[in-house]
Amino acid sequence: MNKEEVAMIGFEVVAFAGEARSKLIEALAEAEKQQFERAESLVEEANQSLIQAHKSQTQMLAAEASGEAIELGFIMVHAQDHLMTTMLLKDTIKHLFNIYKR
């Protein structure tokens, strides 16, 4: 997989993770207003975007696992960072919801 192909996957990961992050921040705002049903719905929407990001990422992982050479660039590094911080946000939000419910 050449650098351009990897970059395109990186852009997909960034787009899906960014969409998920936006939904999670919106969910947090809803939870702060005690709108937990809406907040949970937004978390589920975010999760669907994270699934899409993971599917994009898996294309590259599968190619490398099958022995294909992968030319990484900074875009993919950024994509991985974006995805992982969004996943951490998703996990943290669950704890914040519990605090807001008290």
PDB file of N, CA and C in Angstrom:
ATOM      1  N   MET A   1       0.865  -1.166   0.000  1.00  0.00           N
ATOM      2  CA  MET A   1       0.000   0.000   0.000  1.00  0.00           C
ATOM      3  C   MET A   1       0.912   1.228   0.000  1.00  0.00           C
ATOM      4  N   ASN A   2       0.710   2.080  -0.991  1.00  0.00           N
ATOM      5  CA  ASN A   2       1.593   3.238  -1.091  1.00  0.00           C
ATOM      6  C   ASN A   2       1.133   4.354  -0.143  1.00  0.00           C
ATOM      7  N   LYS A   3       1.973   5.385  -0.061  1.00  0.00           N
ATOM      8  CA  LYS A   3       1.727   6.475   0.874  1.00  0.00           C
ATOM      9  C   LYS A   3       0.410   7.199   0.596  1.00  0.00           C
ATOM     10  N   GLU A   4       0.053   7.353  -0.662  1.00  0.00           N
ATOM     11  CA  GLU A   4      -1.206   8.024  -1.008  1.00  0.00           C
ATOM     12  C   GLU A   4      -2.418   7.207  -0.564  1.00  0.00           C
ATOM     13  N   GLU A   5      -2.356   5.905  -0.758  1.00  0.00           N
ATOM     14  CA  GLU A   5      -3.458   5.041  -0.320  1.00  0.00           C
ATOM     15  C   GLU A   5      -3.605   5.077   1.200  1.00  0.00           C
ATOM     16  N   VAL A   6      -2.479   5.043   1.889  1.00  0.00           N
ATOM     17  CA  VAL A   6      -2.503   5.111   3.349  1.00  0.00           C
ATOM     18  C   VAL A   6      -3.053   6.466   3.797  1.00  0.00           C
ATOM     19  N   ALA A   7      -2.658   7.526   3.111  1.00  0.00           N
ATOM     20  CA  ALA A   7      -3.158   8.864   3.450  1.00  0.00           C
ATOM     21  C   ALA A   7      -4.665   8.940   3.281  1.00  0.00           C
ATOM     22  N   MET A   8      -5.191   8.338   2.240  1.00  0.00           N
ATOM     23  CA  MET A   8      -6.643   8.358   2.028  1.00  0.00           C
ATOM     24  C   MET A   8      -7.365   7.625   3.158  1.00  0.00           C
ATOM     25  N   ILE A   9      -6.817   6.518   3.586  1.00  0.00           N
ATOM     26  CA  ILE A   9      -7.399   5.812   4.734  1.00  0.00           C
ATOM     27  C   ILE A   9      -7.298   6.695   5.969  1.00  0.00           C
ATOM     28  N   GLY A  10      -6.171   7.369   6.118  1.00  0.00           N
ATOM     29  CA  GLY A  10      -6.003   8.289   7.242  1.00  0.00           C
ATOM     30  C   GLY A  10      -7.045   9.379   7.250  1.00  0.00           C
ATOM     31  N   PHE A  11      -7.329   9.942   6.082  1.00  0.00           N
ATOM     32  CA  PHE A  11      -8.358  10.980   5.990  1.00  0.00           C
ATOM     33  C   PHE A  11      -9.731  10.428   6.385  1.00  0.00           C
ATOM     34  N   GLU A  12     -10.019   9.193   5.992  1.00  0.00           N
ATOM     35  CA  GLU A  12     -11.292   8.570   6.375  1.00  0.00           C
ATOM     36  C   GLU A  12     -11.372   8.413   7.893  1.00  0.00           C
ATOM     37  N   VAL A  13     -10.285   7.932   8.487  1.00  0.00           N
ATOM     38  CA  VAL A  13     -10.262   7.743   9.940  1.00  0.00           C
ATOM     39  C   VAL A  13     -10.469   9.076  10.648  1.00  0.00           C
ATOM     40  N   VAL A  14      -9.766  10.120  10.190  1.00  0.00           N
ATOM     41  CA  VAL A  14      -9.912  11.444  10.795  1.00  0.00           C
ATOM     42  C   VAL A  14     -11.355  11.940  10.659  1.00  0.00           C
ATOM     43  N   ALA A  15     -11.944  11.760   9.498  1.00  0.00           N
ATOM     44  CA  ALA A  15     -13.314  12.235   9.278  1.00  0.00           C
ATOM     45  C   ALA A  15     -14.310  11.526  10.197  1.00  0.00           C
ATOM     46  N   PHE A  16     -14.229  10.211  10.256  1.00  0.00           N
ATOM     47  CA  PHE A  16     -15.157   9.464  11.104  1.00  0.00           C
ATOM     48  C   PHE A  16     -14.908   9.742  12.584  1.00  0.00           C
ATOM     49  N   ALA A  17     -13.644   9.786  12.986  1.00  0.00           N
ATOM     50  CA  ALA A  17     -13.332  10.070  14.387  1.00  0.00           C
ATOM     51  C   ALA A  17     -13.751  11.490  14.754  1.00  0.00           C
ATOM     52  N   GLY A  18     -13.573  12.422  13.838  1.00  0.00           N
ATOM     53  CA  GLY A  18     -13.990  13.799  14.089  1.00  0.00           C
ATOM     54  C   GLY A  18     -15.489  13.917  14.254  1.00  0.00           C
ATOM     55  N   GLU A  19     -16.219  13.200  13.421  1.00  0.00           N
ATOM     56  CA  GLU A  19     -17.680  13.172  13.543  1.00  0.00           C
ATOM     57  C   GLU A  19     -18.082  12.595  14.901  1.00  0.00           C
ATOM     58  N   ALA A  20     -17.419  11.523  15.288  1.00  0.00           N
ATOM     59  CA  ALA A  20     -17.710  10.897  16.583  1.00  0.00           C
ATOM     60  C   ALA A  20     -17.398  11.854  17.724  1.00  0.00           C
ATOM     61  N   ARG A  21     -16.271  12.532  17.648  1.00  0.00           N
ATOM     62  CA  ARG A  21     -15.890  13.470  18.705  1.00  0.00           C
ATOM     63  C   ARG A  21     -16.938  14.573  18.841  1.00  0.00           C
ATOM     64  N   SER A  22     -17.401  15.106  17.732  1.00  0.00           N
ATOM     65  CA  SER A  22     -18.425  16.155  17.774  1.00  0.00           C
ATOM     66  C   SER A  22     -19.697  15.651  18.452  1.00  0.00           C
ATOM     67  N   LYS A  23     -20.105  14.439  18.118  1.00  0.00           N
ATOM     68  CA  LYS A  23     -21.303  13.854  18.732  1.00  0.00           C
ATOM     69  C   LYS A  23     -21.104  13.654  20.234  1.00  0.00           C
ATOM     70  N   LEU A  24     -19.901  13.245  20.620  1.00  0.00           N
ATOM     71  CA  LEU A  24     -19.623  13.017  22.038  1.00  0.00           C
ATOM     72  C   LEU A  24     -19.636  14.321  22.831  1.00  0.00           C
ATOM     73  N   ILE A  25     -19.088  15.372  22.272  1.00  0.00           N
ATOM     74  CA  ILE A  25     -19.116  16.666  22.943  1.00  0.00           C
ATOM     75  C   ILE A  25     -20.555  17.166  23.067  1.00  0.00           C
ATOM     76  N   GLU A  26     -21.333  16.949  22.028  1.00  0.00           N
ATOM     77  CA  GLU A  26     -22.750  17.316  22.071  1.00  0.00           C
ATOM     78  C   GLU A  26     -23.484  16.489  23.134  1.00  0.00           C
ATOM     79  N   ALA A  27     -23.141  15.209  23.222  1.00  0.00           N
ATOM     80  CA  ALA A  27     -23.751  14.332  24.227  1.00  0.00           C
ATOM     81  C   ALA A  27     -23.420  14.816  25.637  1.00  0.00           C
ATOM     82  N   LEU A  28     -22.202  15.230  25.842  1.00  0.00           N
ATOM     83  CA  LEU A  28     -21.801  15.742  27.146  1.00  0.00           C
ATOM     84  C   LEU A  28     -22.611  16.981  27.520  1.00  0.00           C
ATOM     85  N   ALA A  29     -22.822  17.863  26.561  1.00  0.00           N
ATOM     86  CA  ALA A  29     -23.628  19.062  26.804  1.00  0.00           C
ATOM     87  C   ALA A  29     -25.068  18.681  27.168  1.00  0.00           C
ATOM     88  N   GLU A  30     -25.599  17.669  26.507  1.00  0.00           N
ATOM     89  CA  GLU A  30     -26.958  17.213  26.819  1.00  0.00           C
ATOM     90  C   GLU A  30     -27.022  16.608  28.225  1.00  0.00           C
ATOM     91  N   ALA A  31     -26.023  15.856  28.593  1.00  0.00           N
ATOM     92  CA  ALA A  31     -25.990  15.263  29.933  1.00  0.00           C
ATOM     93  C   ALA A  31     -25.904  16.341  31.003  1.00  0.00           C
ATOM     94  N   GLU A  32     -25.151  17.388  30.732  1.00  0.00           N
ATOM     95  CA  GLU A  32     -25.065  18.502  31.687  1.00  0.00           C
ATOM     96  C   GLU A  32     -26.435  19.128  31.926  1.00  0.00           C
ATOM     97  N   LYS A  33     -27.301  19.085  30.903  1.00  0.00           N
ATOM     98  CA  LYS A  33     -28.664  19.620  31.014  1.00  0.00           C
ATOM     99  C   LYS A  33     -29.658  18.555  31.503  1.00  0.00           C
ATOM    100  N   GLN A  34     -29.129  17.408  31.929  1.00  0.00           N
ATOM    101  CA  GLN A  34     -29.942  16.300  32.428  1.00  0.00           C
ATOM    102  C   GLN A  34     -30.799  15.664  31.331  1.00  0.00           C
ATOM    103  N   GLN A  35     -30.415  15.796  30.094  1.00  0.00           N
ATOM    104  CA  GLN A  35     -31.116  15.203  28.952  1.00  0.00           C
ATOM    105  C   GLN A  35     -30.419  13.884  28.586  1.00  0.00           C
ATOM    106  N   PHE A  36     -30.531  12.900  29.475  1.00  0.00           N
ATOM    107  CA  PHE A  36     -29.753  11.683  29.339  1.00  0.00           C
ATOM    108  C   PHE A  36     -30.185  10.793  28.180  1.00  0.00           C
ATOM    109  N   GLU A  37     -31.452  10.783  27.868  1.00  0.00           N
ATOM    110  CA  GLU A  37     -31.906   9.977  26.733  1.00  0.00           C
ATOM    111  C   GLU A  37     -31.271  10.490  25.437  1.00  0.00           C
ATOM    112  N   ARG A  38     -31.306  11.799  25.250  1.00  0.00           N
ATOM    113  CA  ARG A  38     -30.686  12.409  24.064  1.00  0.00           C
ATOM    114  C   ARG A  38     -29.176  12.189  24.092  1.00  0.00           C
ATOM    115  N   ALA A  39     -28.577  12.325  25.264  1.00  0.00           N
ATOM    116  CA  ALA A  39     -27.131  12.138  25.397  1.00  0.00           C
ATOM    117  C   ALA A  39     -26.725  10.719  25.001  1.00  0.00           C
ATOM    118  N   GLU A  40     -27.464   9.737  25.472  1.00  0.00           N
ATOM    119  CA  GLU A  40     -27.159   8.346  25.140  1.00  0.00           C
ATOM    120  C   GLU A  40     -27.330   8.085  23.645  1.00  0.00           C
ATOM    121  N   SER A  41     -28.334   8.710  23.051  1.00  0.00           N
ATOM    122  CA  SER A  41     -28.555   8.571  21.607  1.00  0.00           C
ATOM    123  C   SER A  41     -27.352   9.126  20.829  1.00  0.00           C
ATOM    124  N   LEU A  42     -26.833  10.256  21.273  1.00  0.00           N
ATOM    125  CA  LEU A  42     -25.669  10.847  20.610  1.00  0.00           C
ATOM    126  C   LEU A  42     -24.424   9.979  20.787  1.00  0.00           C
ATOM    127  N   VAL A  43     -24.293   9.355  21.933  1.00  0.00           N
ATOM    128  CA  VAL A  43     -23.163   8.442  22.147  1.00  0.00           C
ATOM    129  C   VAL A  43     -23.266   7.264  21.188  1.00  0.00           C
ATOM    130  N   GLU A  44     -24.466   6.775  20.978  1.00  0.00           N
ATOM    131  CA  GLU A  44     -24.644   5.661  20.029  1.00  0.00           C
ATOM    132  C   GLU A  44     -24.309   6.103  18.606  1.00  0.00           C
ATOM    133  N   GLU A  45     -24.710   7.313  18.231  1.00  0.00           N
ATOM    134  CA  GLU A  45     -24.343   7.835  16.912  1.00  0.00           C
ATOM    135  C   GLU A  45     -22.825   7.945  16.794  1.00  0.00           C
ATOM    136  N   ALA A  46     -22.193   8.424  17.853  1.00  0.00           N
ATOM    137  CA  ALA A  46     -20.725   8.524  17.861  1.00  0.00           C
ATOM    138  C   ALA A  46     -20.099   7.146  17.712  1.00  0.00           C
ATOM    139  N   ASN A  47     -20.671   6.174  18.389  1.00  0.00           N
ATOM    140  CA  ASN A  47     -20.142   4.820  18.306  1.00  0.00           C
ATOM    141  C   ASN A  47     -20.207   4.283  16.885  1.00  0.00           C
ATOM    142  N   GLN A  48     -21.278   4.586  16.167  1.00  0.00           N
ATOM    143  CA  GLN A  48     -21.383   4.144  14.773  1.00  0.00           C
ATOM    144  C   GLN A  48     -20.284   4.771  13.912  1.00  0.00           C
ATOM    145  N   SER A  49     -19.967   6.021  14.179  1.00  0.00           N
ATOM    146  CA  SER A  49     -18.871   6.666  13.450  1.00  0.00           C
ATOM    147  C   SER A  49     -17.533   6.029  13.806  1.00  0.00           C
ATOM    148  N   LEU A  50     -17.354   5.685  15.076  1.00  0.00           N
ATOM    149  CA  LEU A  50     -16.113   5.018  15.485  1.00  0.00           C
ATOM    150  C   LEU A  50     -15.976   3.644  14.828  1.00  0.00           C
ATOM    151  N   ILE A  51     -17.092   2.965  14.668  1.00  0.00           N
ATOM    152  CA  ILE A  51     -17.058   1.674  13.967  1.00  0.00           C
ATOM    153  C   ILE A  51     -16.586   1.874  12.530  1.00  0.00           C
ATOM    154  N   GLN A  52     -17.072   2.919  11.873  1.00  0.00           N
ATOM    155  CA  GLN A  52     -16.645   3.204  10.500  1.00  0.00           C
ATOM    156  C   GLN A  52     -15.152   3.550  10.460  1.00  0.00           C
ATOM    157  N   ALA A  53     -14.691   4.322  11.430  1.00  0.00           N
ATOM    158  CA  ALA A  53     -13.260   4.658  11.498  1.00  0.00           C
ATOM    159  C   ALA A  53     -12.436   3.389  11.661  1.00  0.00           C
ATOM    160  N   HIS A  54     -12.908   2.504  12.510  1.00  0.00           N
ATOM    161  CA  HIS A  54     -12.186   1.249  12.739  1.00  0.00           C
ATOM    162  C   HIS A  54     -12.172   0.384  11.475  1.00  0.00           C
ATOM    163  N   LYS A  55     -13.268   0.367  10.736  1.00  0.00           N
ATOM    164  CA  LYS A  55     -13.313  -0.398   9.479  1.00  0.00           C
ATOM    165  C   LYS A  55     -12.272   0.140   8.497  1.00  0.00           C
ATOM    166  N   SER A  56     -12.162   1.458   8.411  1.00  0.00           N
ATOM    167  CA  SER A  56     -11.157   2.054   7.529  1.00  0.00           C
ATOM    168  C   SER A  56      -9.753   1.657   7.976  1.00  0.00           C
ATOM    169  N   GLN A  57      -9.526   1.747   9.258  1.00  0.00           N
ATOM    170  CA  GLN A  57      -8.222   1.389   9.819  1.00  0.00           C
ATOM    171  C   GLN A  57      -7.904  -0.094   9.570  1.00  0.00           C
ATOM    172  N   THR A  58      -8.913  -0.925   9.669  1.00  0.00           N
ATOM    173  CA  THR A  58      -8.712  -2.366   9.516  1.00  0.00           C
ATOM    174  C   THR A  58      -8.245  -2.738   8.108  1.00  0.00           C
ATOM    175  N   GLN A  59      -8.629  -1.961   7.100  1.00  0.00           N
ATOM    176  CA  GLN A  59      -8.143  -2.210   5.731  1.00  0.00           C
ATOM    177  C   GLN A  59      -6.614  -2.226   5.712  1.00  0.00           C
ATOM    178  N   MET A  60      -6.025  -1.240   6.343  1.00  0.00           N
ATOM    179  CA  MET A  60      -4.576  -1.125   6.356  1.00  0.00           C
ATOM    180  C   MET A  60      -3.945  -2.212   7.229  1.00  0.00           C
ATOM    181  N   LEU A  61      -4.549  -2.482   8.365  1.00  0.00           N
ATOM    182  CA  LEU A  61      -4.021  -3.513   9.245  1.00  0.00           C
ATOM    183  C   LEU A  61      -4.046  -4.880   8.563  1.00  0.00           C
ATOM    184  N   ALA A  62      -5.121  -5.175   7.862  1.00  0.00           N
ATOM    185  CA  ALA A  62      -5.236  -6.455   7.166  1.00  0.00           C
ATOM    186  C   ALA A  62      -4.191  -6.562   6.059  1.00  0.00           C
ATOM    187  N   ALA A  63      -3.972  -5.468   5.341  1.00  0.00           N
ATOM    188  CA  ALA A  63      -2.959  -5.480   4.273  1.00  0.00           C
ATOM    189  C   ALA A  63      -1.585  -5.748   4.849  1.00  0.00           C
ATOM    190  N   GLU A  64      -1.254  -5.085   5.927  1.00  0.00           N
ATOM    191  CA  GLU A  64       0.062  -5.306   6.536  1.00  0.00           C
ATOM    192  C   GLU A  64       0.177  -6.717   7.095  1.00  0.00           C
ATOM    193  N   ALA A  65      -0.884  -7.214   7.711  1.00  0.00           N
ATOM    194  CA  ALA A  65      -0.866  -8.567   8.265  1.00  0.00           C
ATOM    195  C   ALA A  65      -0.668  -9.623   7.187  1.00  0.00           C
ATOM    196  N   SER A  66      -1.117  -9.314   5.962  1.00  0.00           N
ATOM    197  CA  SER A  66      -0.960 -10.271   4.869  1.00  0.00           C
ATOM    198  C   SER A  66       0.413 -10.146   4.193  1.00  0.00           C
ATOM    199  N   GLY A  67       1.256  -9.263   4.729  1.00  0.00           N
ATOM    200  CA  GLY A  67       2.612  -9.149   4.212  1.00  0.00           C
ATOM    201  C   GLY A  67       2.856  -7.976   3.284  1.00  0.00           C
ATOM    202  N   GLU A  68       1.827  -7.193   3.024  1.00  0.00           N
ATOM    203  CA  GLU A  68       1.989  -6.044   2.136  1.00  0.00           C
ATOM    204  C   GLU A  68       2.778  -4.945   2.848  1.00  0.00           C
ATOM    205  N   ALA A  69       3.686  -4.314   2.124  1.00  0.00           N
ATOM    206  CA  ALA A  69       4.449  -3.199   2.668  1.00  0.00           C
ATOM    207  C   ALA A  69       3.541  -1.974   2.768  1.00  0.00           C
ATOM    208  N   ILE A  70       3.617  -1.288   3.879  1.00  0.00           N
ATOM    209  CA  ILE A  70       2.791  -0.113   4.126  1.00  0.00           C
ATOM    210  C   ILE A  70       3.705   1.097   4.275  1.00  0.00           C
ATOM    211  N   GLU A  71       3.459   2.134   3.488  1.00  0.00           N
ATOM    212  CA  GLU A  71       4.225   3.371   3.581  1.00  0.00           C
ATOM    213  C   GLU A  71       3.446   4.362   4.446  1.00  0.00           C
ATOM    214  N   LEU A  72       3.848   4.465   5.688  1.00  0.00           N
ATOM    215  CA  LEU A  72       3.159   5.368   6.600  1.00  0.00           C
ATOM    216  C   LEU A  72       3.621   6.804   6.421  1.00  0.00           C
ATOM    217  N   GLY A  73       2.716   7.714   6.655  1.00  0.00           N
ATOM    218  CA  GLY A  73       3.019   9.132   6.643  1.00  0.00           C
ATOM    219  C   GLY A  73       2.401   9.783   7.868  1.00  0.00           C
ATOM    220  N   PHE A  74       2.637  11.061   8.003  1.00  0.00           N
ATOM    221  CA  PHE A  74       2.154  11.773   9.179  1.00  0.00           C
ATOM    222  C   PHE A  74       0.629  11.828   9.235  1.00  0.00           C
ATOM    223  N   ILE A  75      -0.039  11.772   8.103  1.00  0.00           N
ATOM    224  CA  ILE A  75      -1.507  11.799   8.101  1.00  0.00           C
ATOM    225  C   ILE A  75      -2.052  10.604   8.867  1.00  0.00           C
ATOM    226  N   MET A  76      -1.469   9.436   8.650  1.00  0.00           N
ATOM    227  CA  MET A  76      -1.942   8.256   9.370  1.00  0.00           C
ATOM    228  C   MET A  76      -1.591   8.342  10.851  1.00  0.00           C
ATOM    229  N   VAL A  77      -0.461   8.910  11.172  1.00  0.00           N
ATOM    230  CA  VAL A  77      -0.110   9.100  12.583  1.00  0.00           C
ATOM    231  C   VAL A  77      -1.158  10.003  13.235  1.00  0.00           C
ATOM    232  N   HIS A  78      -1.500  11.081  12.564  1.00  0.00           N
ATOM    233  CA  HIS A  78      -2.528  12.003  13.056  1.00  0.00           C
ATOM    234  C   HIS A  78      -3.870  11.283  13.195  1.00  0.00           C
ATOM    235  N   ALA A  79      -4.204  10.472  12.222  1.00  0.00           N
ATOM    236  CA  ALA A  79      -5.472   9.735  12.255  1.00  0.00           C
ATOM    237  C   ALA A  79      -5.532   8.811  13.468  1.00  0.00           C
ATOM    238  N   GLN A  80      -4.458   8.112  13.732  1.00  0.00           N
ATOM    239  CA  GLN A  80      -4.420   7.206  14.878  1.00  0.00           C
ATOM    240  C   GLN A  80      -4.574   7.989  16.178  1.00  0.00           C
ATOM    241  N   ASP A  81      -3.908   9.124  16.267  1.00  0.00           N
ATOM    242  CA  ASP A  81      -4.002   9.968  17.452  1.00  0.00           C
ATOM    243  C   ASP A  81      -5.439  10.448  17.634  1.00  0.00           C
ATOM    244  N   HIS A  82      -6.036  10.902  16.552  1.00  0.00           N
ATOM    245  CA  HIS A  82      -7.409  11.411  16.589  1.00  0.00           C
ATOM    246  C   HIS A  82      -8.380  10.308  17.020  1.00  0.00           C
ATOM    247  N   LEU A  83      -8.206   9.128  16.474  1.00  0.00           N
ATOM    248  CA  LEU A  83      -9.089   8.005  16.805  1.00  0.00           C
ATOM    249  C   LEU A  83      -8.945   7.608  18.274  1.00  0.00           C
ATOM    250  N   MET A  84      -7.721   7.489  18.742  1.00  0.00           N
ATOM    251  CA  MET A  84      -7.506   7.040  20.114  1.00  0.00           C
ATOM    252  C   MET A  84      -8.002   8.058  21.137  1.00  0.00           C
ATOM    253  N   THR A  85      -7.802   9.354  20.884  1.00  0.00           N
ATOM    254  CA  THR A  85      -8.294  10.348  21.841  1.00  0.00           C
ATOM    255  C   THR A  85      -9.822  10.389  21.842  1.00  0.00           C
ATOM    256  N   THR A  86     -10.432  10.145  20.701  1.00  0.00           N
ATOM    257  CA  THR A  86     -11.891  10.110  20.644  1.00  0.00           C
ATOM    258  C   THR A  86     -12.425   8.895  21.392  1.00  0.00           C
ATOM    259  N   MET A  87     -11.744   7.779  21.267  1.00  0.00           N
ATOM    260  CA  MET A  87     -12.161   6.585  22.001  1.00  0.00           C
ATOM    261  C   MET A  87     -12.021   6.805  23.511  1.00  0.00           C
ATOM    262  N   LEU A  88     -10.963   7.488  23.914  1.00  0.00           N
ATOM    263  CA  LEU A  88     -10.786   7.809  25.327  1.00  0.00           C
ATOM    264  C   LEU A  88     -11.902   8.742  25.803  1.00  0.00           C
ATOM    265  N   LEU A  89     -12.255   9.717  24.978  1.00  0.00           N
ATOM    266  CA  LEU A  89     -13.353  10.617  25.319  1.00  0.00           C
ATOM    267  C   LEU A  89     -14.642   9.834  25.521  1.00  0.00           C
ATOM    268  N   LYS A  90     -14.900   8.889  24.643  1.00  0.00           N
ATOM    269  CA  LYS A  90     -16.117   8.070  24.762  1.00  0.00           C
ATOM    270  C   LYS A  90     -16.137   7.336  26.100  1.00  0.00           C
ATOM    271  N   ASP A  91     -15.016   6.761  26.488  1.00  0.00           N
ATOM    272  CA  ASP A  91     -14.942   6.050  27.766  1.00  0.00           C
ATOM    273  C   ASP A  91     -15.114   7.006  28.947  1.00  0.00           C
ATOM    274  N   THR A  92     -14.527   8.173  28.865  1.00  0.00           N
ATOM    275  CA  THR A  92     -14.609   9.163  29.940  1.00  0.00           C
ATOM    276  C   THR A  92     -16.020   9.693  30.100  1.00  0.00           C
ATOM    277  N   ILE A  93     -16.710   9.884  28.992  1.00  0.00           N
ATOM    278  CA  ILE A  93     -18.068  10.417  29.038  1.00  0.00           C
ATOM    279  C   ILE A  93     -18.997   9.505  29.829  1.00  0.00           C
ATOM    280  N   LYS A  94     -18.810   8.216  29.748  1.00  0.00           N
ATOM    281  CA  LYS A  94     -19.650   7.300  30.528  1.00  0.00           C
ATOM    282  C   LYS A  94     -19.540   7.621  32.017  1.00  0.00           C
ATOM    283  N   HIS A  95     -18.323   7.903  32.477  1.00  0.00           N
ATOM    284  CA  HIS A  95     -18.116   8.235  33.885  1.00  0.00           C
ATOM    285  C   HIS A  95     -18.723   9.593  34.227  1.00  0.00           C
ATOM    286  N   LEU A  96     -18.587  10.546  33.316  1.00  0.00           N
ATOM    287  CA  LEU A  96     -19.176  11.866  33.547  1.00  0.00           C
ATOM    288  C   LEU A  96     -20.693  11.786  33.618  1.00  0.00           C
ATOM    289  N   PHE A  97     -21.298  10.960  32.780  1.00  0.00           N
ATOM    290  CA  PHE A  97     -22.752  10.771  32.831  1.00  0.00           C
ATOM    291  C   PHE A  97     -23.171  10.311  34.228  1.00  0.00           C
ATOM    292  N   ASN A  98     -22.421   9.370  34.772  1.00  0.00           N
ATOM    293  CA  ASN A  98     -22.746   8.873  36.111  1.00  0.00           C
ATOM    294  C   ASN A  98     -22.660   9.975  37.163  1.00  0.00           C
ATOM    295  N   ILE A  99     -21.705  10.854  37.016  1.00  0.00           N
ATOM    296  CA  ILE A  99     -21.568  11.974  37.945  1.00  0.00           C
ATOM    297  C   ILE A  99     -22.754  12.917  37.793  1.00  0.00           C
ATOM    298  N   TYR A 100     -23.130  13.223  36.558  1.00  0.00           N
ATOM    299  CA  TYR A 100     -24.246  14.142  36.314  1.00  0.00           C
ATOM    300  C   TYR A 100     -25.583  13.567  36.793  1.00  0.00           C
ATOM    301  N   LYS A 101     -25.682  12.265  36.835  1.00  0.00           N
ATOM    302  CA  LYS A 101     -26.932  11.635  37.260  1.00  0.00           C
ATOM    303  C   LYS A 101     -27.127  11.678  38.771  1.00  0.00           C
ATOM    304  N   ARG A 102     -26.110  11.993  39.513  1.00  0.00           N
ATOM    305  CA  ARG A 102     -26.218  12.010  40.982  1.00  0.00           C
ATOM    306  C   ARG A 102     -26.984  13.191  41.485  1.00  0.00           C
TER     307      ARG A 102
END
